[in-house]
Amino acid sequence: MKSLITQVTRSGQVESFHVGYGVIVDASGEIVKAYGDTQYSTYVRSSAKPLQGMAVLRSGAYDNFKMTPEDLAVICSSHSGEPIHTQTVSQVFSEAGIGPELLACGIHPPIHRPSAQALQTAGVAPQQIHNNCSGKHAGMLATCVQLAHSPEDYLNPEHPVQQYIYDIVKEYTSSDEIHRGVDGCSAPVFYLPLQKVAMAFARISKQENQECCQIFQAMSGHPHLVGGEGRFDTALMKSYPEKILSKGGAEAVSAAGFIMPDGQVYGLAVKVLDGNYRAIGQMVLKMLEDIGFVEEPLSKQLMKWWKPDLQNHAKHIIGTTKTIISE
């Protein structure tokens, strides 16, 4: 059985490696490429955000509150907490007529180190709006307002807004029932087979209805809002404008939907089994190379994930990281 193996080589010898399972499917869910167990189930973490963000469209919140594609991109993001991110999240709250004090995602410093340093220098403590999931939560709260539900306890799986999102995820993954856990931001997180995740991304990227068009175009058209400086999803979407939708999640899971040169639309999902995020970008790129979506030379901004050099503390290059498809 094939699988993806990311090898870390030092001085000509493999020192460690990471194993991944992945799959590429069409919009019907038919497998095009398989790498290991395509039915392997995992928490999809933030890779579910395009589906969770779809609630603001289907509920009517997007139109009613006159949201923008930039708003939608940050609602589907795992943003870095740069000023452009927090400003856009604040805009979503303003448009919905509510405030960020309703957030229940928890606090962590901005992922973007200069932004975190700027807060520290100014003597300002990080707030919940700096949480990488604050856009998703703003979308959930705006949906609450639109559907006339109380925002109180909005992260409870039984809350009407979470049931609304749950139905959307079941629809796009063709699932009757999905186990839900608790994500790092306290929202429900979905436990799904890789094949179903890939199918959902293929369906979105085929853009056969308005909500799929809006999600695909918002995220692929505003990649910096989906991640930020130095982030894989942002670099991948910038490198292939309006041809790919990419969204990774914690514990080294990632999914993408993409349009081939011949117009065929596919979706992929991949999971690094040991949860090490250093392998995920390279595994995604290897799968995209295997099917012919990308080819060398890759864009400069993707090279840090493709075959990154291993440097020691003296900045000497003493190895590399490379992903292979094992038999």
C-alpha atoms as a PDB file:
ATOM      1  CA  MET A   1       0.000   0.000   0.000  1.00  0.00           C
ATOM      2  CA  LYS A   2       1.427   3.362  -1.044  1.00  0.00           C
ATOM      3  CA  SER A   3       1.959   6.078   1.516  1.00  0.00           C
ATOM      4  CA  LEU A   4       3.707   9.421   1.776  1.00  0.00           C
ATOM      5  CA  ILE A   5       7.021   9.494   3.628  1.00  0.00           C
ATOM      6  CA  THR A   6       8.829  12.721   4.462  1.00  0.00           C
ATOM      7  CA  GLN A   7      12.484  11.923   5.089  1.00  0.00           C
ATOM      8  CA  VAL A   8      14.776  14.188   7.108  1.00  0.00           C
ATOM      9  CA  THR A   9      18.341  13.567   5.892  1.00  0.00           C
ATOM     10  CA  ARG A  10      21.491  14.638   7.709  1.00  0.00           C
ATOM     11  CA  SER A  11      24.956  14.283   6.131  1.00  0.00           C
ATOM     12  CA  GLY A  12      23.655  11.838   3.546  1.00  0.00           C
ATOM     13  CA  GLN A  13      21.715   9.560   5.902  1.00  0.00           C
ATOM     14  CA  VAL A  14      18.020   9.496   6.831  1.00  0.00           C
ATOM     15  CA  GLU A  15      17.785  10.609  10.456  1.00  0.00           C
ATOM     16  CA  SER A  16      14.009  10.599  10.902  1.00  0.00           C
ATOM     17  CA  PHE A  17      10.832  10.396   8.889  1.00  0.00           C
ATOM     18  CA  HIS A  18       7.112  11.115   8.966  1.00  0.00           C
ATOM     19  CA  VAL A  19       4.414   8.908   7.393  1.00  0.00           C
ATOM     20  CA  GLY A  20       1.261  10.332   5.874  1.00  0.00           C
ATOM     21  CA  TYR A  21      -1.943   9.041   4.332  1.00  0.00           C
ATOM     22  CA  GLY A  22      -3.620  10.994   1.581  1.00  0.00           C
ATOM     23  CA  VAL A  23      -6.153  10.819  -1.221  1.00  0.00           C
ATOM     24  CA  ILE A  24      -7.160  12.731  -4.346  1.00  0.00           C
ATOM     25  CA  VAL A  25     -10.750  12.413  -5.542  1.00  0.00           C
ATOM     26  CA  ASP A  26     -13.166  13.984  -7.997  1.00  0.00           C
ATOM     27  CA  ALA A  27     -16.348  15.769  -6.951  1.00  0.00           C
ATOM     28  CA  SER A  28     -18.281  12.485  -6.875  1.00  0.00           C
ATOM     29  CA  GLY A  29     -15.795  11.051  -4.392  1.00  0.00           C
ATOM     30  CA  GLU A  30     -14.201   8.655  -6.876  1.00  0.00           C
ATOM     31  CA  ILE A  31     -10.583   8.019  -5.973  1.00  0.00           C
ATOM     32  CA  VAL A  32      -8.042   9.268  -8.498  1.00  0.00           C
ATOM     33  CA  LYS A  33      -4.879   8.804  -6.419  1.00  0.00           C
ATOM     34  CA  ALA A  34      -4.475   6.932  -3.134  1.00  0.00           C
ATOM     35  CA  TYR A  35      -1.632   7.163  -0.653  1.00  0.00           C
ATOM     36  CA  GLY A  36      -2.247   4.748   2.183  1.00  0.00           C
ATOM     37  CA  ASP A  37      -5.570   4.305   3.927  1.00  0.00           C
ATOM     38  CA  THR A  38      -8.052   6.598   2.165  1.00  0.00           C
ATOM     39  CA  GLN A  39     -10.666   5.820   4.812  1.00  0.00           C
ATOM     40  CA  TYR A  40      -8.381   6.868   7.643  1.00  0.00           C
ATOM     41  CA  SER A  41     -10.449   9.034   9.975  1.00  0.00           C
ATOM     42  CA  THR A  42      -9.090  12.070  11.780  1.00  0.00           C
ATOM     43  CA  TYR A  43     -10.269  15.314  13.297  1.00  0.00           C
ATOM     44  CA  VAL A  44     -10.154  17.706  10.369  1.00  0.00           C
ATOM     45  CA  ARG A  45      -9.511  20.684  12.655  1.00  0.00           C
ATOM     46  CA  SER A  46      -9.297  23.992  10.759  1.00  0.00           C
ATOM     47  CA  SER A  47      -9.573  22.285   7.387  1.00  0.00           C
ATOM     48  CA  ALA A  48     -13.322  22.361   8.071  1.00  0.00           C
ATOM     49  CA  LYS A  49     -13.439  26.177   8.054  1.00  0.00           C
ATOM     50  CA  PRO A  50     -14.630  26.600   4.451  1.00  0.00           C
ATOM     51  CA  LEU A  51     -17.637  24.452   5.362  1.00  0.00           C
ATOM     52  CA  GLN A  52     -18.205  26.183   8.688  1.00  0.00           C
ATOM     53  CA  GLY A  53     -17.896  29.559   6.987  1.00  0.00           C
ATOM     54  CA  MET A  54     -20.557  28.578   4.471  1.00  0.00           C
ATOM     55  CA  ALA A  55     -23.154  29.136   7.210  1.00  0.00           C
ATOM     56  CA  VAL A  56     -22.902  32.929   6.806  1.00  0.00           C
ATOM     57  CA  LEU A  57     -23.832  32.516   3.141  1.00  0.00           C
ATOM     58  CA  ARG A  58     -26.644  30.008   3.481  1.00  0.00           C
ATOM     59  CA  SER A  59     -28.212  31.801   6.442  1.00  0.00           C
ATOM     60  CA  GLY A  60     -28.367  35.092   4.539  1.00  0.00           C
ATOM     61  CA  ALA A  61     -26.011  36.866   6.967  1.00  0.00           C
ATOM     62  CA  TYR A  62     -23.513  37.635   4.204  1.00  0.00           C
ATOM     63  CA  ASP A  63     -26.054  39.510   2.083  1.00  0.00           C
ATOM     64  CA  ASN A  64     -28.044  41.022   4.940  1.00  0.00           C
ATOM     65  CA  PHE A  65     -24.979  42.485   6.660  1.00  0.00           C
ATOM     66  CA  LYS A  66     -23.418  43.515   3.340  1.00  0.00           C
ATOM     67  CA  MET A  67     -20.271  41.497   3.946  1.00  0.00           C
ATOM     68  CA  THR A  68     -17.379  41.461   1.487  1.00  0.00           C
ATOM     69  CA  PRO A  69     -15.246  38.670  -0.008  1.00  0.00           C
ATOM     70  CA  GLU A  70     -12.488  39.830   2.357  1.00  0.00           C
ATOM     71  CA  ASP A  71     -14.838  39.235   5.289  1.00  0.00           C
ATOM     72  CA  LEU A  72     -15.638  35.763   4.014  1.00  0.00           C
ATOM     73  CA  ALA A  73     -11.952  34.946   3.554  1.00  0.00           C
ATOM     74  CA  VAL A  74     -11.144  35.828   7.175  1.00  0.00           C
ATOM     75  CA  ILE A  75     -14.224  33.901   8.385  1.00  0.00           C
ATOM     76  CA  CYS A  76     -12.680  30.820   6.712  1.00  0.00           C
ATOM     77  CA  SER A  77      -9.177  31.585   7.989  1.00  0.00           C
ATOM     78  CA  SER A  78      -6.629  30.498  10.511  1.00  0.00           C
ATOM     79  CA  HIS A  79      -5.176  33.972  10.469  1.00  0.00           C
ATOM     80  CA  SER A  80      -1.849  35.110  11.896  1.00  0.00           C
ATOM     81  CA  GLY A  81      -3.159  38.021  13.958  1.00  0.00           C
ATOM     82  CA  GLU A  82      -1.633  40.691  11.741  1.00  0.00           C
ATOM     83  CA  PRO A  83      -3.384  44.086  11.850  1.00  0.00           C
ATOM     84  CA  ILE A  84      -5.146  43.395   8.529  1.00  0.00           C
ATOM     85  CA  HIS A  85      -6.616  40.235  10.071  1.00  0.00           C
ATOM     86  CA  THR A  86      -7.897  41.778  13.297  1.00  0.00           C
ATOM     87  CA  GLN A  87      -9.230  44.778  11.403  1.00  0.00           C
ATOM     88  CA  THR A  88     -11.191  42.534   9.051  1.00  0.00           C
ATOM     89  CA  VAL A  89     -12.581  40.443  11.917  1.00  0.00           C
ATOM     90  CA  SER A  90     -13.611  43.677  13.679  1.00  0.00           C
ATOM     91  CA  GLN A  91     -15.350  44.709  10.471  1.00  0.00           C
ATOM     92  CA  VAL A  92     -17.410  41.488  10.496  1.00  0.00           C
ATOM     93  CA  PHE A  93     -18.542  42.243  14.033  1.00  0.00           C
ATOM     94  CA  SER A  94     -19.404  45.820  13.137  1.00  0.00           C
ATOM     95  CA  GLU A  95     -21.428  44.763  10.110  1.00  0.00           C
ATOM     96  CA  ALA A  96     -23.401  42.274  12.228  1.00  0.00           C
ATOM     97  CA  GLY A  97     -24.029  44.873  14.923  1.00  0.00           C
ATOM     98  CA  ILE A  98     -22.282  42.942  17.675  1.00  0.00           C
ATOM     99  CA  GLY A  99     -18.905  43.135  19.418  1.00  0.00           C
ATOM    100  CA  PRO A 100     -15.864  40.903  19.965  1.00  0.00           C
ATOM    101  CA  GLU A 101     -16.686  40.627  23.670  1.00  0.00           C
ATOM    102  CA  LEU A 102     -18.952  37.739  22.608  1.00  0.00           C
ATOM    103  CA  LEU A 103     -15.965  35.664  21.473  1.00  0.00           C
ATOM    104  CA  ALA A 104     -15.327  32.423  23.343  1.00  0.00           C
ATOM    105  CA  CYS A 105     -12.350  31.131  21.359  1.00  0.00           C
ATOM    106  CA  GLY A 106      -9.706  31.853  23.990  1.00  0.00           C
ATOM    107  CA  ILE A 107      -6.548  33.942  23.878  1.00  0.00           C
ATOM    108  CA  HIS A 108      -3.142  33.370  22.386  1.00  0.00           C
ATOM    109  CA  PRO A 109      -0.561  35.839  21.006  1.00  0.00           C
ATOM    110  CA  PRO A 110      -0.591  36.534  17.269  1.00  0.00           C
ATOM    111  CA  ILE A 111       1.080  33.804  15.211  1.00  0.00           C
ATOM    112  CA  HIS A 112       2.794  36.607  13.273  1.00  0.00           C
ATOM    113  CA  ARG A 113       5.846  37.330  15.439  1.00  0.00           C
ATOM    114  CA  PRO A 114       6.230  41.030  14.509  1.00  0.00           C
ATOM    115  CA  SER A 115       2.569  41.595  15.425  1.00  0.00           C
ATOM    116  CA  ALA A 116       3.037  39.774  18.725  1.00  0.00           C
ATOM    117  CA  GLN A 117       6.173  41.826  19.411  1.00  0.00           C
ATOM    118  CA  ALA A 118       4.347  45.063  18.565  1.00  0.00           C
ATOM    119  CA  LEU A 119       1.681  44.266  21.163  1.00  0.00           C
ATOM    120  CA  GLN A 120       4.331  43.468  23.773  1.00  0.00           C
ATOM    121  CA  THR A 121       6.253  46.665  23.022  1.00  0.00           C
ATOM    122  CA  ALA A 122       3.056  48.693  23.357  1.00  0.00           C
ATOM    123  CA  GLY A 123       2.240  46.973  26.652  1.00  0.00           C
ATOM    124  CA  VAL A 124      -0.987  45.580  25.200  1.00  0.00           C
ATOM    125  CA  ALA A 125      -2.065  42.074  26.169  1.00  0.00           C
ATOM    126  CA  PRO A 126      -3.317  39.774  23.383  1.00  0.00           C
ATOM    127  CA  GLN A 127      -7.091  39.550  23.140  1.00  0.00           C
ATOM    128  CA  GLN A 128      -9.433  36.894  21.787  1.00  0.00           C
ATOM    129  CA  ILE A 129      -9.577  38.720  18.460  1.00  0.00           C
ATOM    130  CA  HIS A 130      -5.890  37.787  17.978  1.00  0.00           C
ATOM    131  CA  ASN A 131      -6.812  34.091  18.176  1.00  0.00           C
ATOM    132  CA  ASN A 132      -6.281  32.498  14.756  1.00  0.00           C
ATOM    133  CA  CYS A 133      -9.892  31.253  14.843  1.00  0.00           C
ATOM    134  CA  SER A 134     -11.545  34.574  15.680  1.00  0.00           C
ATOM    135  CA  GLY A 135     -12.762  35.005  12.105  1.00  0.00           C
ATOM    136  CA  LYS A 136     -14.561  31.671  12.201  1.00  0.00           C
ATOM    137  CA  HIS A 137     -16.174  32.595  15.498  1.00  0.00           C
ATOM    138  CA  ALA A 138     -17.210  36.007  14.160  1.00  0.00           C
ATOM    139  CA  GLY A 139     -18.960  34.173  11.332  1.00  0.00           C
ATOM    140  CA  MET A 140     -20.728  31.870  13.783  1.00  0.00           C
ATOM    141  CA  LEU A 141     -21.902  34.823  15.860  1.00  0.00           C
ATOM    142  CA  ALA A 142     -23.088  36.737  12.782  1.00  0.00           C
ATOM    143  CA  THR A 143     -25.051  33.640  11.784  1.00  0.00           C
ATOM    144  CA  CYS A 144     -26.608  33.597  15.268  1.00  0.00           C
ATOM    145  CA  VAL A 145     -27.793  37.171  14.768  1.00  0.00           C
ATOM    146  CA  GLN A 146     -29.139  36.454  11.303  1.00  0.00           C
ATOM    147  CA  LEU A 147     -31.105  33.402  12.452  1.00  0.00           C
ATOM    148  CA  ALA A 148     -32.302  35.159  15.640  1.00  0.00           C
ATOM    149  CA  HIS A 149     -30.529  32.752  17.985  1.00  0.00           C
ATOM    150  CA  SER A 150     -28.973  33.799  21.275  1.00  0.00           C
ATOM    151  CA  PRO A 151     -25.166  33.988  21.125  1.00  0.00           C
ATOM    152  CA  GLU A 152     -25.029  32.556  24.637  1.00  0.00           C
ATOM    153  CA  ASP A 153     -23.261  29.198  24.662  1.00  0.00           C
ATOM    154  CA  TYR A 154     -22.881  29.406  20.868  1.00  0.00           C
ATOM    155  CA  LEU A 155     -20.115  26.760  20.880  1.00  0.00           C
ATOM    156  CA  ASN A 156     -22.283  24.065  22.430  1.00  0.00           C
ATOM    157  CA  PRO A 157     -22.757  21.305  19.817  1.00  0.00           C
ATOM    158  CA  GLU A 158     -26.488  21.442  20.550  1.00  0.00           C
ATOM    159  CA  HIS A 159     -26.733  25.190  19.943  1.00  0.00           C
ATOM    160  CA  PRO A 160     -28.859  25.911  16.834  1.00  0.00           C
ATOM    161  CA  VAL A 161     -25.962  27.563  14.990  1.00  0.00           C
ATOM    162  CA  GLN A 162     -23.737  24.513  15.522  1.00  0.00           C
ATOM    163  CA  GLN A 163     -26.546  22.232  14.373  1.00  0.00           C
ATOM    164  CA  TYR A 164     -26.906  24.450  11.302  1.00  0.00           C
ATOM    165  CA  ILE A 165     -23.188  24.072  10.536  1.00  0.00           C
ATOM    166  CA  TYR A 166     -23.312  20.349  11.292  1.00  0.00           C
ATOM    167  CA  ASP A 167     -25.990  19.893   8.633  1.00  0.00           C
ATOM    168  CA  ILE A 168     -23.838  21.694   6.060  1.00  0.00           C
ATOM    169  CA  VAL A 169     -20.816  19.509   6.852  1.00  0.00           C
ATOM    170  CA  LYS A 170     -22.925  16.351   6.624  1.00  0.00           C
ATOM    171  CA  GLU A 171     -24.295  17.497   3.268  1.00  0.00           C
ATOM    172  CA  TYR A 172     -20.930  18.224   1.649  1.00  0.00           C
ATOM    173  CA  THR A 173     -19.294  15.062   3.011  1.00  0.00           C
ATOM    174  CA  SER A 174     -22.304  12.823   2.259  1.00  0.00           C
ATOM    175  CA  SER A 175     -22.382  11.707   5.895  1.00  0.00           C
ATOM    176  CA  ASP A 176     -25.414  10.646   7.908  1.00  0.00           C
ATOM    177  CA  GLU A 177     -23.682  11.200  11.215  1.00  0.00           C
ATOM    178  CA  ILE A 178     -20.288  12.601  12.228  1.00  0.00           C
ATOM    179  CA  HIS A 179     -18.549  12.287  15.560  1.00  0.00           C
ATOM    180  CA  ARG A 180     -17.705  15.720  16.936  1.00  0.00           C
ATOM    181  CA  GLY A 181     -15.003  16.569  19.427  1.00  0.00           C
ATOM    182  CA  VAL A 182     -13.794  19.864  20.878  1.00  0.00           C
ATOM    183  CA  ASP A 183     -11.327  21.935  18.869  1.00  0.00           C
ATOM    184  CA  GLY A 184      -8.518  24.103  20.241  1.00  0.00           C
ATOM    185  CA  CYS A 185     -10.823  27.132  20.003  1.00  0.00           C
ATOM    186  CA  SER A 186     -13.622  25.226  21.834  1.00  0.00           C
ATOM    187  CA  ALA A 187     -15.801  24.905  18.705  1.00  0.00           C
ATOM    188  CA  PRO A 188     -17.037  21.475  17.600  1.00  0.00           C
ATOM    189  CA  VAL A 189     -14.508  19.648  15.417  1.00  0.00           C
ATOM    190  CA  PHE A 190     -15.427  16.922  12.922  1.00  0.00           C
ATOM    191  CA  TYR A 191     -13.980  13.404  12.778  1.00  0.00           C
ATOM    192  CA  LEU A 192     -14.047  12.285   9.150  1.00  0.00           C
ATOM    193  CA  PRO A 193     -12.404   9.886   6.684  1.00  0.00           C
ATOM    194  CA  LEU A 194      -9.870  11.553   4.399  1.00  0.00           C
ATOM    195  CA  GLN A 195     -11.840  10.571   1.302  1.00  0.00           C
ATOM    196  CA  LYS A 196     -14.898  12.493   2.483  1.00  0.00           C
ATOM    197  CA  VAL A 197     -12.856  15.587   3.310  1.00  0.00           C
ATOM    198  CA  ALA A 198     -11.259  15.536  -0.135  1.00  0.00           C
ATOM    199  CA  MET A 199     -14.666  15.132  -1.764  1.00  0.00           C
ATOM    200  CA  ALA A 200     -16.036  18.177   0.077  1.00  0.00           C
ATOM    201  CA  PHE A 201     -13.144  20.316  -1.191  1.00  0.00           C
ATOM    202  CA  ALA A 202     -13.636  19.027  -4.732  1.00  0.00           C
ATOM    203  CA  ARG A 203     -17.322  19.913  -4.538  1.00  0.00           C
ATOM    204  CA  ILE A 204     -16.593  23.436  -3.336  1.00  0.00           C
ATOM    205  CA  SER A 205     -13.912  23.927  -5.977  1.00  0.00           C
ATOM    206  CA  LYS A 206     -16.167  22.755  -8.799  1.00  0.00           C
ATOM    207  CA  GLN A 207     -18.214  25.888  -8.034  1.00  0.00           C
ATOM    208  CA  GLU A 208     -21.527  24.521  -9.266  1.00  0.00           C
ATOM    209  CA  ASN A 209     -23.605  26.714  -6.956  1.00  0.00           C
ATOM    210  CA  GLN A 210     -23.353  30.234  -5.629  1.00  0.00           C
ATOM    211  CA  GLU A 211     -22.132  29.404  -2.121  1.00  0.00           C
ATOM    212  CA  CYS A 212     -19.294  27.272  -3.496  1.00  0.00           C
ATOM    213  CA  CYS A 213     -18.322  30.039  -5.944  1.00  0.00           C
ATOM    214  CA  GLN A 214     -18.263  32.570  -3.125  1.00  0.00           C
ATOM    215  CA  ILE A 215     -16.143  30.425  -0.801  1.00  0.00           C
ATOM    216  CA  PHE A 216     -13.654  29.449  -3.515  1.00  0.00           C
ATOM    217  CA  GLN A 217     -13.306  32.949  -4.915  1.00  0.00           C
ATOM    218  CA  ALA A 218     -13.071  34.667  -1.516  1.00  0.00           C
ATOM    219  CA  MET A 219     -10.324  32.373  -0.225  1.00  0.00           C
ATOM    220  CA  SER A 220      -8.335  31.978  -3.433  1.00  0.00           C
ATOM    221  CA  GLY A 221      -8.756  35.677  -4.221  1.00  0.00           C
ATOM    222  CA  HIS A 222      -7.610  36.866  -0.768  1.00  0.00           C
ATOM    223  CA  PRO A 223      -5.022  34.288   0.333  1.00  0.00           C
ATOM    224  CA  HIS A 224      -3.259  36.598   2.775  1.00  0.00           C
ATOM    225  CA  LEU A 225      -6.440  36.850   4.836  1.00  0.00           C
ATOM    226  CA  VAL A 226      -6.721  33.037   5.007  1.00  0.00           C
ATOM    227  CA  GLY A 227      -3.302  32.656   6.658  1.00  0.00           C
ATOM    228  CA  GLY A 228      -0.735  35.403   6.535  1.00  0.00           C
ATOM    229  CA  GLU A 229       2.931  36.112   6.008  1.00  0.00           C
ATOM    230  CA  GLY A 230       4.994  32.926   5.727  1.00  0.00           C
ATOM    231  CA  ARG A 231       1.976  30.588   5.904  1.00  0.00           C
ATOM    232  CA  PHE A 232       1.650  27.577   3.593  1.00  0.00           C
ATOM    233  CA  ASP A 233      -1.988  28.035   2.531  1.00  0.00           C
ATOM    234  CA  THR A 234      -1.307  31.657   1.634  1.00  0.00           C
ATOM    235  CA  ALA A 235       1.831  30.826  -0.362  1.00  0.00           C
ATOM    236  CA  LEU A 236       0.127  27.994  -2.264  1.00  0.00           C
ATOM    237  CA  MET A 237      -2.927  30.033  -3.248  1.00  0.00           C
ATOM    238  CA  LYS A 238      -0.779  33.028  -4.223  1.00  0.00           C
ATOM    239  CA  SER A 239       1.357  30.775  -6.419  1.00  0.00           C
ATOM    240  CA  TYR A 240      -1.680  29.466  -8.348  1.00  0.00           C
ATOM    241  CA  PRO A 241      -4.153  32.367  -8.403  1.00  0.00           C
ATOM    242  CA  GLU A 242      -7.802  31.300  -8.476  1.00  0.00           C
ATOM    243  CA  LYS A 243      -6.803  27.708  -9.279  1.00  0.00           C
ATOM    244  CA  ILE A 244      -6.602  26.224  -5.792  1.00  0.00           C
ATOM    245  CA  LEU A 245      -8.347  26.418  -2.429  1.00  0.00           C
ATOM    246  CA  SER A 246      -6.112  25.288   0.437  1.00  0.00           C
ATOM    247  CA  LYS A 247      -6.828  24.989   4.155  1.00  0.00           C
ATOM    248  CA  GLY A 248      -4.680  23.263   6.705  1.00  0.00           C
ATOM    249  CA  GLY A 249      -5.416  22.388  10.293  1.00  0.00           C
ATOM    250  CA  ALA A 250      -3.657  21.543  13.531  1.00  0.00           C
ATOM    251  CA  GLU A 251      -2.054  18.158  14.125  1.00  0.00           C
ATOM    252  CA  ALA A 252      -0.846  18.145  10.509  1.00  0.00           C
ATOM    253  CA  VAL A 253      -4.002  17.740   8.491  1.00  0.00           C
ATOM    254  CA  SER A 254      -4.651  19.596   5.248  1.00  0.00           C
ATOM    255  CA  ALA A 255      -7.151  19.700   2.396  1.00  0.00           C
ATOM    256  CA  ALA A 256      -7.342  21.422  -0.957  1.00  0.00           C
ATOM    257  CA  GLY A 257      -9.545  21.700  -4.004  1.00  0.00           C
ATOM    258  CA  PHE A 258      -7.910  22.537  -7.310  1.00  0.00           C
ATOM    259  CA  ILE A 259      -8.577  23.066 -11.002  1.00  0.00           C
ATOM    260  CA  MET A 260      -6.291  21.186 -13.399  1.00  0.00           C
ATOM    261  CA  PRO A 261      -5.043  22.781 -16.658  1.00  0.00           C
ATOM    262  CA  ASP A 262      -7.630  20.725 -18.574  1.00  0.00           C
ATOM    263  CA  GLY A 263     -10.428  22.052 -16.335  1.00  0.00           C
ATOM    264  CA  GLN A 264     -10.895  18.865 -14.291  1.00  0.00           C
ATOM    265  CA  VAL A 265     -11.548  19.585 -10.621  1.00  0.00           C
ATOM    266  CA  TYR A 266     -10.160  17.443  -7.820  1.00  0.00           C
ATOM    267  CA  GLY A 267      -9.951  17.539  -4.048  1.00  0.00           C
ATOM    268  CA  LEU A 268      -7.245  16.209  -1.780  1.00  0.00           C
ATOM    269  CA  ALA A 269      -6.853  15.488   1.897  1.00  0.00           C
ATOM    270  CA  VAL A 270      -3.760  14.387   3.772  1.00  0.00           C
ATOM    271  CA  LYS A 271      -2.819  13.597   7.352  1.00  0.00           C
ATOM    272  CA  VAL A 272       0.681  13.245   8.807  1.00  0.00           C
ATOM    273  CA  LEU A 273       0.155  10.350  11.172  1.00  0.00           C
ATOM    274  CA  ASP A 274       2.426  11.612  13.942  1.00  0.00           C
ATOM    275  CA  GLY A 275       0.893  15.107  13.797  1.00  0.00           C
ATOM    276  CA  ASN A 276       4.188  16.830  12.939  1.00  0.00           C
ATOM    277  CA  TYR A 277       3.350  19.949  10.952  1.00  0.00           C
ATOM    278  CA  ARG A 278       6.793  20.260   9.352  1.00  0.00           C
ATOM    279  CA  ALA A 279       5.847  17.516   6.876  1.00  0.00           C
ATOM    280  CA  ILE A 280       2.388  18.660   5.814  1.00  0.00           C
ATOM    281  CA  GLY A 281       3.221  21.336   3.239  1.00  0.00           C
ATOM    282  CA  GLN A 282       5.674  19.092   1.444  1.00  0.00           C
ATOM    283  CA  MET A 283       3.189  16.205   1.392  1.00  0.00           C
ATOM    284  CA  VAL A 284       0.511  18.423  -0.159  1.00  0.00           C
ATOM    285  CA  LEU A 285       2.978  19.610  -2.795  1.00  0.00           C
ATOM    286  CA  LYS A 286       4.109  16.039  -3.523  1.00  0.00           C
ATOM    287  CA  MET A 287       0.518  14.977  -4.141  1.00  0.00           C
ATOM    288  CA  LEU A 288      -0.058  17.984  -6.397  1.00  0.00           C
ATOM    289  CA  GLU A 289       3.120  17.144  -8.313  1.00  0.00           C
ATOM    290  CA  ASP A 290       2.083  13.489  -8.619  1.00  0.00           C
ATOM    291  CA  ILE A 291      -1.167  14.413 -10.342  1.00  0.00           C
ATOM    292  CA  GLY A 292       0.442  17.072 -12.517  1.00  0.00           C
ATOM    293  CA  PHE A 293      -0.963  20.229 -10.951  1.00  0.00           C
ATOM    294  CA  VAL A 294       2.475  21.550  -9.970  1.00  0.00           C
ATOM    295  CA  GLU A 295       5.840  20.953 -11.546  1.00  0.00           C
ATOM    296  CA  GLU A 296       9.368  22.088 -10.875  1.00  0.00           C
ATOM    297  CA  PRO A 297      10.588  24.740 -10.571  1.00  0.00           C
ATOM    298  CA  LEU A 298       8.093  25.810  -7.931  1.00  0.00           C
ATOM    299  CA  SER A 299       7.559  29.433  -7.009  1.00  0.00           C
ATOM    300  CA  LYS A 300      10.136  30.988  -4.726  1.00  0.00           C
ATOM    301  CA  GLN A 301       7.572  31.367  -1.943  1.00  0.00           C
ATOM    302  CA  LEU A 302       6.861  27.605  -1.962  1.00  0.00           C
ATOM    303  CA  MET A 303      10.484  26.480  -1.886  1.00  0.00           C
ATOM    304  CA  LYS A 304      10.673  26.629   1.923  1.00  0.00           C
ATOM    305  CA  TRP A 305       8.189  23.722   1.986  1.00  0.00           C
ATOM    306  CA  TRP A 306       9.268  21.813  -1.112  1.00  0.00           C
ATOM    307  CA  LYS A 307      12.792  20.611  -0.297  1.00  0.00           C
ATOM    308  CA  PRO A 308      13.964  22.769   2.576  1.00  0.00           C
ATOM    309  CA  ASP A 309      17.605  22.716   3.532  1.00  0.00           C
ATOM    310  CA  LEU A 310      18.513  21.512   6.998  1.00  0.00           C
ATOM    311  CA  GLN A 311      20.890  24.011   8.628  1.00  0.00           C
ATOM    312  CA  ASN A 312      22.852  23.776  11.836  1.00  0.00           C
ATOM    313  CA  HIS A 313      23.383  26.630  14.280  1.00  0.00           C
ATOM    314  CA  ALA A 314      26.352  27.905  12.256  1.00  0.00           C
ATOM    315  CA  LYS A 315      24.027  28.189   9.246  1.00  0.00           C
ATOM    316  CA  HIS A 316      25.823  25.377   7.417  1.00  0.00           C
ATOM    317  CA  ILE A 317      23.595  23.262   5.152  1.00  0.00           C
ATOM    318  CA  ILE A 318      24.003  19.707   6.396  1.00  0.00           C
ATOM    319  CA  GLY A 319      20.902  17.987   5.032  1.00  0.00           C
ATOM    320  CA  THR A 320      17.475  18.301   3.530  1.00  0.00           C
ATOM    321  CA  THR A 321      13.848  17.213   3.839  1.00  0.00           C
ATOM    322  CA  LYS A 322      12.240  15.290   0.995  1.00  0.00           C
ATOM    323  CA  THR A 323       8.896  13.554   0.540  1.00  0.00           C
ATOM    324  CA  ILE A 324       8.644  10.311  -1.408  1.00  0.00           C
ATOM    325  CA  ILE A 325       5.759   8.077  -2.378  1.00  0.00           C
ATOM    326  CA  SER A 326       6.534   4.637  -0.963  1.00  0.00           C
ATOM    327  CA  GLU A 327       5.329   1.401  -2.480  1.00  0.00           C
END
